[in-house]
Amino acid sequence: MQRVSNYSKFIPYLYFLAVIIYWFTDINRSEGITAYPVLLFGLPFLWQLIKPNEKLNFSLGIIFVCLASYMILAYLFDVLNIVNFSYRTKRFLVLGGFFVIGNFVMALWMIRNSIKKVF
């Protein structure tokens, strides 16, 4: 159990790296070489795994809480029909729906780690 609690602080970073790798492979299939800049988004998370930094951890947490909150608002607007989205945008919202809640939870987990000073 002690080993699990020691490594649990790295779960959010591994989650975001997995999402970025999935995003890269999905774009790489359709766009080709133009997908490689997507890998740059993984550098801060990889840095947190190699050499943790409390300020970077808190900054990443706040940024991704804001982005996930924005996506949650987009879902609410879609459900309440406040804004009419195109079919392609609705399809993106449905396919990305699993990631929205995961991103929000993992971002809150990163903030919790930085507040508890786990690193």
C-alpha atoms as a PDB file:
ATOM      1  CA  MET A   1       0.000   0.000   0.000  1.00  0.00           C
ATOM      2  CA  GLN A   2       2.875   2.352   0.746  1.00  0.00           C
ATOM      3  CA  ARG A   3       4.206   1.875  -2.794  1.00  0.00           C
ATOM      4  CA  VAL A   4       0.837   2.808  -4.300  1.00  0.00           C
ATOM      5  CA  SER A   5       0.624   5.994  -2.243  1.00  0.00           C
ATOM      6  CA  ASN A   6       4.184   6.917  -3.238  1.00  0.00           C
ATOM      7  CA  TYR A   7       3.418   6.638  -6.950  1.00  0.00           C
ATOM      8  CA  SER A   8      -0.135   7.996  -6.868  1.00  0.00           C
ATOM      9  CA  LYS A   9       1.139  11.578  -7.125  1.00  0.00           C
ATOM     10  CA  PHE A  10       2.346  10.814 -10.664  1.00  0.00           C
ATOM     11  CA  ILE A  11      -1.014   9.592 -11.991  1.00  0.00           C
ATOM     12  CA  PRO A  12      -2.208  13.013 -13.292  1.00  0.00           C
ATOM     13  CA  TYR A  13       0.971  13.526 -15.299  1.00  0.00           C
ATOM     14  CA  LEU A  14       0.807  10.036 -16.773  1.00  0.00           C
ATOM     15  CA  TYR A  15      -2.844  10.641 -17.643  1.00  0.00           C
ATOM     16  CA  PHE A  16      -2.076  13.885 -19.477  1.00  0.00           C
ATOM     17  CA  LEU A  17       0.886  12.269 -21.257  1.00  0.00           C
ATOM     18  CA  ALA A  18      -1.392   9.425 -22.388  1.00  0.00           C
ATOM     19  CA  VAL A  19      -3.953  11.928 -23.686  1.00  0.00           C
ATOM     20  CA  ILE A  20      -1.258  13.851 -25.563  1.00  0.00           C
ATOM     21  CA  ILE A  21       0.127  10.653 -27.096  1.00  0.00           C
ATOM     22  CA  TYR A  22      -3.391   9.624 -28.162  1.00  0.00           C
ATOM     23  CA  TRP A  23      -3.977  13.103 -29.608  1.00  0.00           C
ATOM     24  CA  PHE A  24      -0.668  12.920 -31.476  1.00  0.00           C
ATOM     25  CA  THR A  25      -1.369   9.504 -32.978  1.00  0.00           C
ATOM     26  CA  ASP A  26      -4.876  10.536 -34.013  1.00  0.00           C
ATOM     27  CA  ILE A  27      -3.632  13.693 -35.750  1.00  0.00           C
ATOM     28  CA  ASN A  28      -0.612  11.910 -37.202  1.00  0.00           C
ATOM     29  CA  ARG A  29      -2.852   9.417 -39.026  1.00  0.00           C
ATOM     30  CA  SER A  30      -4.745  12.146 -40.825  1.00  0.00           C
ATOM     31  CA  GLU A  31      -2.340  15.088 -41.032  1.00  0.00           C
ATOM     32  CA  GLY A  32       1.083  13.453 -41.100  1.00  0.00           C
ATOM     33  CA  ILE A  33       4.182  15.379 -40.091  1.00  0.00           C
ATOM     34  CA  THR A  34       2.235  18.449 -38.955  1.00  0.00           C
ATOM     35  CA  ALA A  35       1.219  16.533 -35.813  1.00  0.00           C
ATOM     36  CA  TYR A  36       4.667  16.696 -34.239  1.00  0.00           C
ATOM     37  CA  PRO A  37       4.165  20.101 -32.531  1.00  0.00           C
ATOM     38  CA  VAL A  38       1.472  18.381 -30.431  1.00  0.00           C
ATOM     39  CA  LEU A  39       4.258  16.499 -28.670  1.00  0.00           C
ATOM     40  CA  LEU A  40       5.518  19.812 -27.270  1.00  0.00           C
ATOM     41  CA  PHE A  41       2.461  19.899 -24.996  1.00  0.00           C
ATOM     42  CA  GLY A  42       3.854  16.849 -23.214  1.00  0.00           C
ATOM     43  CA  LEU A  43       7.123  18.481 -22.185  1.00  0.00           C
ATOM     44  CA  PRO A  44       5.865  20.131 -18.964  1.00  0.00           C
ATOM     45  CA  PHE A  45       4.289  16.866 -17.806  1.00  0.00           C
ATOM     46  CA  LEU A  46       7.408  14.900 -18.645  1.00  0.00           C
ATOM     47  CA  TRP A  47       9.461  17.493 -16.755  1.00  0.00           C
ATOM     48  CA  GLN A  48       7.214  17.042 -13.714  1.00  0.00           C
ATOM     49  CA  LEU A  49       7.915  13.303 -13.770  1.00  0.00           C
ATOM     50  CA  ILE A  50      11.679  13.758 -14.080  1.00  0.00           C
ATOM     51  CA  LYS A  51      12.288  16.790 -11.864  1.00  0.00           C
ATOM     52  CA  PRO A  52       9.161  17.968 -10.008  1.00  0.00           C
ATOM     53  CA  ASN A  53       8.634  21.690  -9.493  1.00  0.00           C
ATOM     54  CA  GLU A  54       5.906  23.023  -7.182  1.00  0.00           C
ATOM     55  CA  LYS A  55       5.300  26.225  -9.164  1.00  0.00           C
ATOM     56  CA  LEU A  56       5.012  24.405 -12.480  1.00  0.00           C
ATOM     57  CA  ASN A  57       2.732  21.848 -10.838  1.00  0.00           C
ATOM     58  CA  PHE A  58       0.393  24.539  -9.515  1.00  0.00           C
ATOM     59  CA  SER A  59       0.458  26.420 -12.841  1.00  0.00           C
ATOM     60  CA  LEU A  60      -0.389  23.298 -14.839  1.00  0.00           C
ATOM     61  CA  GLY A  61      -3.198  22.500 -12.405  1.00  0.00           C
ATOM     62  CA  ILE A  62      -4.745  25.974 -12.671  1.00  0.00           C
ATOM     63  CA  ILE A  63      -4.441  26.057 -16.477  1.00  0.00           C
ATOM     64  CA  PHE A  64      -6.076  22.682 -16.922  1.00  0.00           C
ATOM     65  CA  VAL A  65      -8.831  23.400 -14.382  1.00  0.00           C
ATOM     66  CA  CYS A  66      -9.679  26.492 -16.440  1.00  0.00           C
ATOM     67  CA  LEU A  67      -9.651  24.543 -19.719  1.00  0.00           C
ATOM     68  CA  ALA A  68     -11.772  21.724 -18.274  1.00  0.00           C
ATOM     69  CA  SER A  69     -14.206  24.261 -16.788  1.00  0.00           C
ATOM     70  CA  TYR A  70     -14.539  25.857 -20.206  1.00  0.00           C
ATOM     71  CA  MET A  71     -15.375  22.465 -21.732  1.00  0.00           C
ATOM     72  CA  ILE A  72     -17.923  21.779 -18.990  1.00  0.00           C
ATOM     73  CA  LEU A  73     -19.576  25.111 -19.802  1.00  0.00           C
ATOM     74  CA  ALA A  74     -19.653  24.130 -23.483  1.00  0.00           C
ATOM     75  CA  TYR A  75     -21.480  20.939 -22.527  1.00  0.00           C
ATOM     76  CA  LEU A  76     -23.980  22.874 -20.437  1.00  0.00           C
ATOM     77  CA  PHE A  77     -24.624  25.338 -23.266  1.00  0.00           C
ATOM     78  CA  ASP A  78     -25.142  22.444 -25.653  1.00  0.00           C
ATOM     79  CA  VAL A  79     -27.558  20.644 -23.311  1.00  0.00           C
ATOM     80  CA  LEU A  80     -29.533  23.821 -22.651  1.00  0.00           C
ATOM     81  CA  ASN A  81     -29.448  24.792 -26.363  1.00  0.00           C
ATOM     82  CA  ILE A  82     -28.101  28.252 -25.515  1.00  0.00           C
ATOM     83  CA  VAL A  83     -25.641  28.114 -28.403  1.00  0.00           C
ATOM     84  CA  ASN A  84     -26.193  26.115 -31.586  1.00  0.00           C
ATOM     85  CA  PHE A  85     -23.108  24.096 -32.465  1.00  0.00           C
ATOM     86  CA  SER A  86     -22.420  22.585 -35.852  1.00  0.00           C
ATOM     87  CA  TYR A  87     -22.593  18.817 -36.314  1.00  0.00           C
ATOM     88  CA  ARG A  88     -18.796  18.531 -36.380  1.00  0.00           C
ATOM     89  CA  THR A  89     -18.456  20.476 -33.116  1.00  0.00           C
ATOM     90  CA  LYS A  90     -21.141  18.343 -31.442  1.00  0.00           C
ATOM     91  CA  ARG A  91     -19.335  15.201 -32.568  1.00  0.00           C
ATOM     92  CA  PHE A  92     -16.115  16.528 -31.065  1.00  0.00           C
ATOM     93  CA  LEU A  93     -17.913  17.280 -27.796  1.00  0.00           C
ATOM     94  CA  VAL A  94     -19.331  13.767 -27.631  1.00  0.00           C
ATOM     95  CA  LEU A  95     -16.041  12.065 -28.449  1.00  0.00           C
ATOM     96  CA  GLY A  96     -14.120  14.282 -26.040  1.00  0.00           C
ATOM     97  CA  GLY A  97     -16.695  13.945 -23.275  1.00  0.00           C
ATOM     98  CA  PHE A  98     -14.770  11.274 -21.430  1.00  0.00           C
ATOM     99  CA  PHE A  99     -11.693  13.454 -21.358  1.00  0.00           C
ATOM    100  CA  VAL A 100     -13.473  16.495 -19.922  1.00  0.00           C
ATOM    101  CA  ILE A 101     -14.268  14.943 -16.564  1.00  0.00           C
ATOM    102  CA  GLY A 102     -10.916  13.159 -16.480  1.00  0.00           C
ATOM    103  CA  ASN A 103      -9.051  16.390 -17.215  1.00  0.00           C
ATOM    104  CA  PHE A 104     -10.958  18.234 -14.504  1.00  0.00           C
ATOM    105  CA  VAL A 105     -10.317  15.551 -11.880  1.00  0.00           C
ATOM    106  CA  MET A 106      -6.634  15.206 -12.783  1.00  0.00           C
ATOM    107  CA  ALA A 107      -6.118  18.984 -12.750  1.00  0.00           C
ATOM    108  CA  LEU A 108      -7.704  19.179  -9.300  1.00  0.00           C
ATOM    109  CA  TRP A 109      -5.441  16.328  -8.238  1.00  0.00           C
ATOM    110  CA  MET A 110      -2.379  18.281  -9.405  1.00  0.00           C
ATOM    111  CA  ILE A 111      -3.500  21.335  -7.447  1.00  0.00           C
ATOM    112  CA  ARG A 112      -4.079  19.160  -4.391  1.00  0.00           C
ATOM    113  CA  ASN A 113      -0.571  17.746  -4.753  1.00  0.00           C
ATOM    114  CA  SER A 114       0.954  21.225  -4.925  1.00  0.00           C
ATOM    115  CA  ILE A 115      -1.047  22.446  -1.925  1.00  0.00           C
ATOM    116  CA  LYS A 116      -0.120  19.388   0.147  1.00  0.00           C
ATOM    117  CA  LYS A 117       3.504  19.837  -0.960  1.00  0.00           C
ATOM    118  CA  VAL A 118       3.835  16.215  -2.024  1.00  0.00           C
ATOM    119  CA  PHE A 119       6.980  16.944  -4.007  1.00  0.00           C
END
